[in-house]
Protein backbone atom coordinates (compact mmCIF):
# COMPACT_ATOMS: atom_id res chain seq x y z
CA MET A 1 -36.90 -132.97 94.53
CA ILE A 2 -34.01 -130.72 95.73
CA SER A 3 -30.73 -132.40 95.03
CA PRO A 4 -28.03 -132.70 97.69
CA PHE A 5 -25.91 -129.84 99.17
CA ARG A 6 -24.08 -127.58 96.78
CA PRO A 7 -22.20 -124.76 98.42
CA SER A 8 -22.29 -121.22 97.07
CA PHE A 9 -19.26 -119.04 96.80
CA MET A 10 -18.42 -117.84 100.24
CA HIS A 11 -16.79 -114.53 101.55
CA THR A 12 -15.45 -114.35 105.01
CA PHE A 13 -16.23 -111.54 107.53
CA SER A 14 -14.82 -111.21 111.08
CA PHE A 15 -16.69 -110.24 114.12
CA ARG A 16 -16.11 -110.50 117.92
CA THR A 17 -18.92 -112.36 119.74
CA SER A 18 -19.75 -114.50 122.63
CA CYS A 19 -18.45 -118.00 123.21
CA LEU A 20 -19.71 -121.08 125.10
CA PHE A 21 -17.70 -120.31 128.27
CA SER A 22 -19.90 -117.20 128.67
CA ALA A 23 -23.17 -118.93 128.28
CA LEU A 24 -24.02 -119.30 131.90
CA LEU A 25 -22.75 -116.03 132.80
CA ALA A 26 -25.00 -114.37 130.10
CA MET A 27 -28.00 -116.14 131.51
CA ASN A 28 -27.58 -114.13 134.63
CA SER A 29 -26.88 -110.79 133.06
CA ILE A 30 -29.13 -107.87 133.82
CA GLY A 31 -32.51 -107.57 132.06
CA ALA A 32 -35.37 -105.27 131.94
CA SER A 33 -38.98 -105.06 132.86
CA TYR A 34 -41.22 -103.45 130.21
CA GLY A 35 -40.30 -99.84 129.94
CA GLU A 36 -36.88 -99.94 131.40
CA THR A 37 -33.56 -100.01 129.53
CA PRO A 38 -30.59 -100.76 131.98
CA PRO A 39 -27.10 -100.68 130.82
CA LEU A 40 -24.91 -103.75 130.69
CA ARG A 41 -22.84 -104.44 133.83
CA SER A 42 -19.10 -104.96 133.07
CA SER A 43 -19.21 -108.10 134.94
CA ASP A 44 -22.07 -109.46 132.51
CA LYS A 45 -19.98 -108.84 129.47
CA PRO A 46 -18.99 -112.24 127.98
CA GLN A 47 -15.41 -113.41 127.30
CA LYS A 48 -14.67 -112.75 123.80
CA SER A 49 -13.29 -114.87 120.79
CA THR A 50 -12.80 -114.05 117.22
CA ALA A 51 -15.03 -116.19 114.84
CA GLU A 52 -15.65 -115.99 111.23
CA VAL A 53 -18.96 -116.20 109.67
CA LYS A 54 -18.89 -117.02 106.07
CA VAL A 55 -21.48 -115.36 103.81
CA PRO A 56 -21.67 -114.98 99.98
CA ALA A 57 -19.61 -112.05 98.40
CA GLY A 58 -21.47 -108.81 98.75
CA PHE A 59 -22.88 -109.70 102.07
CA THR A 60 -21.84 -108.48 105.49
CA ALA A 61 -22.45 -110.10 108.86
CA THR A 62 -22.84 -107.96 112.04
CA VAL A 63 -23.58 -108.83 115.65
CA VAL A 64 -26.42 -106.34 116.66
CA ALA A 65 -27.17 -107.66 120.09
CA GLU A 66 -25.67 -110.08 122.74
CA ASP A 67 -26.28 -111.59 126.05
CA LEU A 68 -30.07 -112.41 125.62
CA GLY A 69 -29.92 -115.93 126.80
CA PRO A 70 -31.52 -118.84 124.77
CA ALA A 71 -33.00 -116.64 121.83
CA ARG A 72 -35.29 -118.71 119.78
CA HIS A 73 -37.62 -117.37 117.11
CA MET A 74 -37.95 -113.69 116.32
CA ALA A 75 -40.45 -111.25 114.61
CA VAL A 76 -39.87 -107.57 113.17
CA SER A 77 -42.49 -104.90 113.60
CA LYS A 78 -43.32 -102.13 111.20
CA ASN A 79 -40.99 -99.57 113.02
CA GLY A 80 -38.01 -102.03 112.79
CA ASP A 81 -38.21 -103.32 116.41
CA LEU A 82 -37.07 -106.99 116.78
CA TYR A 83 -39.15 -109.10 119.11
CA VAL A 84 -37.24 -112.16 120.43
CA LYS A 85 -38.81 -115.30 122.13
CA LEU A 86 -36.54 -116.93 124.88
CA ALA A 87 -36.54 -120.67 125.68
CA LYS A 88 -35.76 -119.92 129.31
CA LEU A 89 -36.66 -116.62 131.38
CA LYS A 90 -34.05 -113.98 131.58
CA ASP A 91 -34.67 -111.72 134.69
CA GLY A 92 -38.16 -113.09 134.78
CA LYS A 93 -39.00 -112.24 131.19
CA GLY A 94 -39.48 -114.47 128.29
CA ILE A 95 -39.72 -112.03 125.42
CA TYR A 96 -37.44 -108.93 124.60
CA ARG A 97 -38.20 -106.02 122.47
CA LEU A 98 -34.87 -104.80 120.86
CA ARG A 99 -34.62 -101.30 119.50
CA ASP A 100 -31.92 -99.11 117.77
CA THR A 101 -32.57 -95.75 119.31
CA ASP A 102 -29.61 -93.93 117.85
CA LYS A 103 -29.68 -95.62 114.46
CA ASP A 104 -26.11 -96.84 114.47
CA GLY A 105 -27.21 -100.34 113.45
CA ILE A 106 -26.85 -101.80 116.96
CA PHE A 107 -29.80 -102.54 119.21
CA ASP A 108 -29.13 -100.47 122.28
CA GLU A 109 -32.41 -100.66 123.98
CA ARG A 110 -33.87 -103.97 125.19
CA VAL A 111 -37.23 -104.12 126.99
CA GLY A 112 -38.53 -107.41 128.53
CA PHE A 113 -42.09 -108.62 129.16
CA GLY A 114 -43.92 -111.96 129.27
CA ASP A 115 -43.34 -114.37 132.22
CA TYR A 116 -43.28 -117.51 130.33
CA PRO A 117 -40.35 -119.22 128.18
CA GLY A 118 -41.14 -120.76 124.73
CA THR A 119 -40.20 -120.54 121.07
CA GLY A 120 -43.00 -119.32 118.91
CA ILE A 121 -43.44 -115.58 117.88
CA TYR A 122 -45.22 -114.16 114.83
CA ILE A 123 -46.57 -110.82 113.72
CA ARG A 124 -49.66 -110.73 111.63
CA ASN A 125 -52.79 -108.32 111.30
CA GLY A 126 -51.67 -105.92 113.94
CA TYR A 127 -50.78 -108.63 116.68
CA LEU A 128 -47.67 -110.10 118.12
CA TYR A 129 -48.47 -113.76 118.57
CA THR A 130 -46.28 -115.94 120.97
CA SER A 131 -46.21 -119.30 122.49
CA SER A 132 -45.19 -121.09 125.78
CA ASN A 133 -44.51 -124.73 125.69
CA SER A 134 -48.36 -125.39 126.33
CA SER A 135 -50.19 -122.20 125.30
CA VAL A 136 -50.63 -119.43 122.59
CA PHE A 137 -51.01 -115.71 123.37
CA ARG A 138 -51.40 -112.42 121.47
CA TYR A 139 -50.56 -108.80 122.11
CA LYS A 140 -52.22 -105.90 120.28
CA LEU A 141 -49.65 -103.71 118.49
CA ASP A 142 -50.11 -99.89 117.97
CA ASP A 143 -49.80 -98.08 114.74
CA LYS A 144 -45.95 -98.01 115.23
CA GLY A 145 -45.73 -101.53 115.79
CA GLU A 146 -45.21 -101.45 119.52
CA VAL A 147 -46.99 -103.87 121.96
CA THR A 148 -49.80 -101.96 123.79
CA ASN A 149 -50.72 -104.39 126.74
CA PRO A 150 -47.44 -106.10 127.55
CA ASP A 151 -48.72 -107.23 131.08
CA GLN A 152 -52.05 -108.35 129.89
CA PRO A 153 -51.70 -110.94 126.81
CA GLU A 154 -54.84 -112.37 125.42
CA LEU A 155 -54.76 -116.18 125.85
CA LEU A 156 -55.76 -117.79 122.56
CA VAL A 157 -55.02 -121.45 123.34
CA SER A 158 -54.08 -123.64 126.35
CA GLY A 159 -53.66 -127.30 127.28
CA LEU A 160 -51.29 -128.27 124.47
CA ARG A 161 -49.28 -131.41 125.17
CA VAL A 162 -45.98 -130.89 127.02
CA LYS A 163 -43.68 -133.89 127.83
CA THR A 164 -40.11 -134.18 128.61
CA ARG A 165 -38.56 -133.68 125.21
CA ASP A 166 -39.32 -131.53 122.12
CA GLN A 167 -41.60 -129.19 123.97
CA SER A 168 -41.46 -126.17 121.81
CA LYS A 169 -44.66 -124.90 120.12
CA SER A 170 -43.67 -123.14 116.93
CA ILE A 171 -46.31 -120.96 115.37
CA ALA A 172 -47.39 -119.44 112.06
CA ILE A 173 -50.53 -117.48 110.90
CA ASP A 174 -52.15 -117.48 107.43
CA ASN A 175 -54.28 -114.78 105.86
CA GLN A 176 -57.53 -116.18 107.10
CA ASN A 177 -57.06 -115.80 110.78
CA ASN A 178 -55.81 -119.35 111.42
CA ILE A 179 -52.86 -120.01 113.57
CA TYR A 180 -50.88 -123.17 112.99
CA VAL A 181 -49.07 -124.90 116.08
CA ASN A 182 -46.52 -127.62 116.05
CA ILE A 183 -47.03 -130.32 118.61
CA ALA A 184 -44.03 -132.72 118.54
CA SER A 185 -43.70 -136.36 119.43
CA ASP A 186 -41.99 -137.28 122.75
CA ASN A 187 -40.99 -140.60 121.30
CA ASP A 188 -38.36 -140.89 118.66
CA ALA A 189 -40.15 -143.75 116.65
CA CYS A 190 -43.11 -144.52 118.62
CA ARG A 191 -41.46 -147.63 120.17
CA GLU A 192 -42.47 -149.62 123.00
CA ALA A 193 -40.14 -148.61 126.05
CA GLY A 194 -37.00 -150.51 125.98
CA THR A 195 -37.62 -152.42 122.80
CA GLY A 196 -37.21 -151.97 119.05
CA LYS A 197 -40.87 -152.72 118.43
CA GLY A 198 -43.25 -150.05 117.10
CA LEU A 199 -46.70 -149.29 118.50
CA MET A 200 -49.41 -150.07 115.93
CA PRO A 201 -51.36 -147.97 115.38
CA CYS A 202 -49.09 -145.09 117.03
CA PRO A 203 -51.26 -143.75 119.87
CA LEU A 204 -49.29 -140.34 119.84
CA LEU A 205 -50.81 -139.32 116.58
CA ASP A 206 -53.93 -138.33 118.18
CA SER A 207 -52.37 -135.39 120.38
CA ALA A 208 -48.80 -135.17 118.79
CA ALA A 209 -46.57 -135.37 115.87
CA GLY A 210 -48.45 -133.09 113.74
CA ILE A 211 -49.57 -129.44 113.07
CA TRP A 212 -52.78 -128.39 114.77
CA GLN A 213 -54.87 -125.40 113.49
CA PHE A 214 -56.80 -122.83 115.76
CA LYS A 215 -58.44 -119.67 115.35
CA ALA A 216 -56.04 -116.56 115.61
CA ASN A 217 -58.86 -114.35 116.77
CA VAL A 218 -60.82 -116.31 119.17
CA PRO A 219 -59.81 -116.55 123.03
CA ASP A 220 -59.67 -119.23 125.54
CA GLN A 221 -59.51 -122.05 123.11
CA LYS A 222 -58.66 -125.56 124.34
CA PHE A 223 -56.61 -128.52 122.57
CA ALA A 224 -60.00 -129.95 121.71
CA ASP A 225 -61.05 -126.89 119.90
CA GLY A 226 -58.26 -127.29 117.46
CA VAL A 227 -58.14 -129.24 114.13
CA ARG A 228 -55.29 -131.60 113.30
CA PHE A 229 -54.28 -129.88 110.20
CA ALA A 230 -51.45 -132.36 109.28
CA THR A 231 -50.13 -135.49 110.83
CA GLY A 232 -46.99 -137.74 110.75
CA LEU A 233 -44.39 -135.03 111.69
CA LYS A 234 -42.12 -136.11 114.31
CA ASN A 235 -41.05 -132.60 115.28
CA VAL A 236 -41.49 -129.29 113.38
CA VAL A 237 -39.64 -126.17 114.93
CA GLY A 238 -39.22 -124.15 111.82
CA LEU A 239 -42.34 -123.29 109.84
CA ASP A 240 -43.69 -120.24 107.95
CA TRP A 241 -46.48 -119.27 105.62
CA ASN A 242 -45.52 -118.92 102.14
CA PRO A 243 -47.24 -115.87 100.59
CA ARG A 244 -46.45 -116.87 97.10
CA SER A 245 -48.20 -120.39 97.22
CA ASN A 246 -50.55 -119.42 99.99
CA THR A 247 -49.60 -122.55 101.91
CA LEU A 248 -47.81 -123.65 105.05
CA PHE A 249 -44.29 -125.04 104.74
CA VAL A 250 -42.53 -126.81 107.70
CA MET A 251 -39.11 -128.17 108.39
CA GLN A 252 -39.10 -131.70 110.26
CA HIS A 253 -36.48 -132.96 112.50
CA GLY A 254 -35.93 -136.72 111.62
CA ARG A 255 -35.77 -139.53 113.75
CA GLY A 256 -32.63 -141.42 114.93
CA GLN A 257 -31.22 -144.60 116.64
CA PHE A 258 -31.22 -146.89 113.51
CA HIS A 259 -28.17 -148.85 114.57
CA ASP A 260 -29.02 -148.87 118.24
CA PHE A 261 -32.03 -151.07 117.84
CA TYR A 262 -31.30 -152.46 114.29
CA PRO A 263 -27.64 -153.32 113.70
CA GLN A 264 -28.63 -156.15 111.50
CA TYR A 265 -29.86 -153.48 108.97
CA TYR A 266 -27.95 -150.41 109.59
CA THR A 267 -24.31 -149.69 110.20
CA PRO A 268 -23.28 -146.94 112.58
CA LYS A 269 -22.33 -144.91 109.64
CA GLN A 270 -25.77 -145.25 108.15
CA SER A 271 -27.39 -144.40 111.50
CA ALA A 272 -25.38 -141.06 111.56
CA GLU A 273 -26.27 -140.30 107.98
CA LEU A 274 -30.12 -141.17 108.01
CA PRO A 275 -32.81 -140.14 107.68
CA ALA A 276 -33.13 -136.89 105.96
CA GLU A 277 -34.31 -133.66 107.36
CA THR A 278 -37.25 -132.74 105.34
CA MET A 279 -39.17 -129.63 104.24
CA TYR A 280 -42.92 -130.06 103.47
CA GLU A 281 -45.69 -128.10 101.97
CA LEU A 282 -48.83 -128.94 103.82
CA HIS A 283 -52.39 -128.93 103.04
CA LYS A 284 -55.25 -129.93 105.37
CA GLY A 285 -55.45 -133.78 105.99
CA ASP A 286 -51.79 -134.38 104.74
CA ASP A 287 -49.76 -137.19 106.36
CA ALA A 288 -45.95 -137.02 106.18
CA GLY A 289 -45.54 -140.67 107.54
CA TRP A 290 -43.97 -140.68 110.79
CA PRO A 291 -43.36 -143.09 112.40
CA TYR A 292 -44.23 -145.72 109.77
CA VAL A 293 -42.00 -144.39 107.05
CA TYR A 294 -38.95 -142.02 106.69
CA TYR A 295 -37.36 -140.23 103.76
CA ASP A 296 -33.91 -141.64 102.67
CA HIS A 297 -32.18 -138.64 100.76
CA ILE A 298 -29.39 -140.94 99.50
CA GLN A 299 -31.80 -143.44 97.85
CA LYS A 300 -34.20 -140.83 97.33
CA LYS A 301 -37.06 -142.94 98.41
CA LYS A 302 -39.65 -143.32 101.20
CA ILE A 303 -38.47 -146.21 103.46
CA ILE A 304 -40.52 -148.32 105.71
CA ALA A 305 -39.15 -147.81 109.24
CA PRO A 306 -37.45 -150.90 110.87
CA GLU A 307 -40.03 -150.79 113.81
CA TYR A 308 -42.76 -151.59 111.26
CA GLY A 309 -41.10 -154.27 109.30
CA GLY A 310 -38.54 -152.31 107.17
CA ASP A 311 -34.90 -153.36 106.57
CA GLY A 312 -33.51 -150.05 105.33
CA LYS A 313 -34.53 -150.93 101.71
CA LYS A 314 -38.19 -151.67 101.56
CA THR A 315 -40.06 -148.74 100.15
CA GLY A 316 -43.65 -147.72 101.44
CA GLY A 317 -45.80 -144.80 102.31
CA ALA A 318 -47.87 -144.54 98.98
CA LYS A 319 -50.51 -142.53 100.68
CA THR A 320 -48.12 -140.12 102.47
CA ILE A 321 -46.68 -136.76 100.88
CA ASN A 322 -43.35 -136.48 99.43
CA PRO A 323 -41.04 -133.87 100.88
CA ALA A 324 -40.53 -130.70 99.03
CA ALA A 325 -36.85 -130.73 99.87
CA ALA A 326 -34.51 -132.96 101.79
CA PHE A 327 -31.30 -132.31 103.66
CA PRO A 328 -28.72 -134.52 105.54
CA ALA A 329 -29.46 -135.99 108.81
CA HIS A 330 -29.24 -134.45 112.17
CA LEU A 331 -28.84 -130.71 110.91
CA GLY A 332 -31.75 -129.74 113.38
CA PRO A 333 -33.66 -127.28 111.29
CA ASN A 334 -34.99 -124.77 113.76
CA GLY A 335 -35.90 -121.80 111.59
CA LEU A 336 -37.77 -121.15 108.41
CA LEU A 337 -38.26 -117.88 106.62
CA PHE A 338 -39.53 -117.00 103.13
CA TYR A 339 -37.72 -113.97 101.92
CA THR A 340 -40.06 -111.27 100.68
CA GLY A 341 -37.75 -108.32 100.49
CA THR A 342 -36.01 -106.73 97.64
CA ALA A 343 -32.61 -105.75 99.32
CA PHE A 344 -31.02 -109.09 98.46
CA PRO A 345 -30.10 -110.11 94.79
CA GLU A 346 -32.76 -111.65 92.67
CA LYS A 347 -31.99 -115.14 93.39
CA TYR A 348 -32.92 -114.83 96.93
CA ARG A 349 -36.30 -113.35 96.27
CA ASN A 350 -39.25 -115.47 97.46
CA GLY A 351 -36.84 -118.21 98.37
CA ALA A 352 -36.58 -119.98 101.86
CA PHE A 353 -33.76 -119.52 104.42
CA ILE A 354 -33.38 -122.29 106.89
CA ALA A 355 -31.46 -122.05 110.21
CA PHE A 356 -29.79 -125.42 111.18
CA HIS A 357 -29.15 -125.87 114.80
CA GLY A 358 -27.21 -129.09 114.62
CA GLN A 359 -24.48 -130.75 112.62
CA SER A 360 -24.29 -133.42 109.90
CA ALA A 361 -21.85 -136.30 109.99
CA GLU A 362 -22.32 -136.75 106.30
CA LEU A 363 -21.24 -133.15 105.37
CA LYS A 364 -19.03 -132.56 108.52
CA LYS A 365 -20.77 -129.30 108.70
CA GLY A 366 -23.57 -127.52 110.73
CA TYR A 367 -24.61 -124.52 112.68
CA MET A 368 -25.38 -122.66 109.63
CA VAL A 369 -28.04 -120.97 107.47
CA ALA A 370 -29.10 -122.57 104.22
CA PHE A 371 -31.08 -121.38 101.22
CA VAL A 372 -33.44 -122.91 98.86
CA PRO A 373 -34.46 -121.04 95.70
CA PHE A 374 -38.21 -120.92 94.87
CA LYS A 375 -40.15 -120.12 91.85
CA ASN A 376 -43.91 -119.74 91.78
CA GLY A 377 -44.14 -120.99 95.34
CA LYS A 378 -42.31 -124.22 94.78
CA PRO A 379 -38.57 -125.34 95.30
CA ALA A 380 -36.75 -124.53 92.09
CA GLY A 381 -33.05 -125.53 92.38
CA ASN A 382 -30.25 -127.02 94.58
CA TRP A 383 -30.13 -125.84 98.28
CA GLU A 384 -26.97 -124.22 99.30
CA ILE A 385 -25.27 -123.04 102.34
CA PHE A 386 -25.81 -119.28 102.82
CA ALA A 387 -24.20 -118.55 105.99
CA ASP A 388 -21.61 -120.76 107.64
CA ASN A 389 -19.34 -121.36 110.60
CA PHE A 390 -21.49 -119.97 113.35
CA ALA A 391 -19.78 -122.68 115.40
CA GLY A 392 -16.49 -120.73 115.24
CA THR A 393 -14.48 -124.00 115.36
CA ASP A 394 -13.73 -126.90 112.84
CA LEU A 395 -16.38 -129.50 113.23
CA GLU A 396 -14.07 -132.25 111.89
CA LYS A 397 -11.16 -131.45 114.32
CA PRO A 398 -12.72 -128.97 116.91
CA THR A 399 -10.20 -126.63 118.46
CA GLY A 400 -12.64 -125.28 120.99
CA PRO A 401 -16.37 -125.38 121.95
CA VAL A 402 -19.24 -124.45 119.56
CA GLN A 403 -19.85 -120.66 119.82
CA HIS A 404 -23.18 -120.09 118.37
CA ARG A 405 -26.34 -122.28 117.23
CA PRO A 406 -28.63 -120.63 114.82
CA CYS A 407 -32.16 -120.95 115.60
CA GLY A 408 -34.51 -118.30 114.64
CA LEU A 409 -34.84 -115.98 111.31
CA ALA A 410 -36.49 -112.74 110.72
CA GLN A 411 -36.56 -110.24 108.02
CA GLY A 412 -35.79 -106.59 108.84
CA THR A 413 -37.81 -103.59 107.30
CA ASP A 414 -34.52 -102.80 105.36
CA GLY A 415 -34.65 -106.31 103.84
CA ALA A 416 -31.75 -107.56 106.05
CA LEU A 417 -31.77 -111.02 107.47
CA TYR A 418 -31.59 -111.54 111.36
CA VAL A 419 -30.21 -114.67 112.77
CA SER A 420 -30.71 -115.79 116.60
CA ASP A 421 -28.46 -117.85 118.53
CA ASP A 422 -29.86 -119.74 121.28
CA LEU A 423 -26.59 -120.88 122.89
CA ASN A 424 -25.79 -117.55 124.48
CA GLY A 425 -28.33 -114.96 122.78
CA THR A 426 -26.40 -113.33 120.14
CA ILE A 427 -28.38 -111.83 117.26
CA PHE A 428 -26.71 -111.52 113.79
CA LYS A 429 -27.69 -109.12 111.03
CA ILE A 430 -26.81 -110.14 107.41
CA SER A 431 -27.05 -107.31 104.97
CA TYR A 432 -26.13 -106.96 101.29
CA LYS A 433 -23.97 -104.45 99.57
CA PRO A 434 -22.70 -104.65 95.90
CA GLN A 435 -19.49 -106.58 95.57
CA GLY A 436 -16.30 -104.49 96.40
CA ARG A 437 -18.06 -102.41 99.13
CA SER A 438 -18.25 -104.90 101.75
CA GLY A 439 -15.77 -105.39 104.50
CA LYS A 440 -15.26 -106.60 108.20
CA ALA A 441 -18.10 -106.22 110.54
CA THR A 442 -17.24 -105.97 114.21
CA ALA A 443 -19.50 -106.65 117.10
CA ALA A 444 -20.42 -103.40 118.95
CA ALA A 445 -23.41 -104.60 121.03
CA ASN A 446 -21.31 -104.00 124.28
CA LYS A 447 -19.83 -100.73 123.13
């Protein structure tokens, strides 16, 4: 089991970037239909603030795109284009292709297509796979890695469950033409409405709170055509296929509201610090335990949920899988990426980067990218903060609004790491240079 947070040595780089006050303005900025590349209007440019992102010594952080709106997951094609999925439409488009035409390190061309919002996007076997909140599509890529049919995606899956919360359908694809889709629970702990009593058995498990497997090359599949690959997962937004272990890894958002319903068992502090956010390695038929048990990273045990007879101490879940790694509560893991490049130092190769979208009361930290070292396809060391302070404000004593919320991760053709921000649509690029050669990186997306 991975031990609790251990920070890495951090080095600070400055950049100019968008702040919360510009979020609504950025949502209305000019976009593009496929094939067009309009300039940014001066009225669309966001108000600026100076933030400092902390990255390890030898790394630099650069803003390479701004004003995209709620940018969720990303994928990089073989020619270096960055495809970004949006949670809300921007100028009628839910996907943007970003390209650096003059090779100055900044994406100066943006092209929009797809008339549906969503989170999932993944490239595999010559196709760009994307998701709405109820369906999965794919687009054929040409030899250069560019979409050939932007206005006519192939519908792969439809009829996925959509309720009022946790709607995103994150996706990953294996090497056998299987696509894995998260379907989240819309009930925090499968409780009866207005009570602290858990439903037994939990009826949501038949159509939600798990990962479903479909065929990545078969059109017009319905929900009933899929296979429930793994269950007992409240909500998975970050997931990725690990090429070393040839298995699916996922990041689960933990439940909450312990003190609200069970003050006799949990203090407000415990409620703020429990349960763990958990990483799982999944195999077909696995059960991660939700809603019946949760993982307590402080006690390092699986604990019976209070809705099902637990008191914060009783252990259970003997037939459920153990997490591969555990993290403090409420960090909101929204992105997972296995690093397969060679541009970063040896310690990062084949390890996992995680984009955290929220903040931890235990750590007094959040809005960051973490790293878990792996060896032979398994976690092999303490997790650490890799890139910090996307918030741009002190989370203990805030001096202003949160500026950026990391959401998606992608690996560039040059081995750099892209990080998306779904608050106002900033894309960051984190690159490595030997120590002594790094310096300040300034945003130039609006040059």
